[in-house]
Amino acid sequence: MFLFVGLISFAVTAQDKKAKIEFKEETIDYGKIAKGSNGVRVFEFTNTGDAPLVISKAYSSCGCTVPSWPKEPIAPGKTGKIEVKYDTNRPGPIRKTITVITNADKKSVALKIKGTVTTGDSSK
């Protein structure tokens, strides 16, 4: 009987462990960036929880922004990066959201990029 109760309490304790994702910043400002320049930026994060963090999906609000993320679990206390590539061949304002889906206590995180792609022509 004691063994059974011990196993049950161990199982409950193990289920209490959760991953937690904390980003260094949740918005990246490109500022003014020239058309055709490097549109890659990186969101850094840490798993501050006590269980492995798994990012199951990351997607953008449009096809002009492509995120890539670690496919392997991030151990507690370890860091990772989500790389975002914006197509800078589109002049005008940048206002995009990247949604990150995880197994963390907060299942979904919205990351944002902003700025302006300029043509380099000051007459416009």
Foldseek 3Di string as FASTA:
>chain_A
DVVVVVVVVVVVVVVPWFWAKDWPDQEAEPAEAEAPDWQKDKIKIAGQTQAWKAWPDKDKPDPQKDKDWDHDTAHHGGMTIIMIGGNSNDFFKAWMWMWIAMRGPPGIDIGIYIYGHDHPDVVD
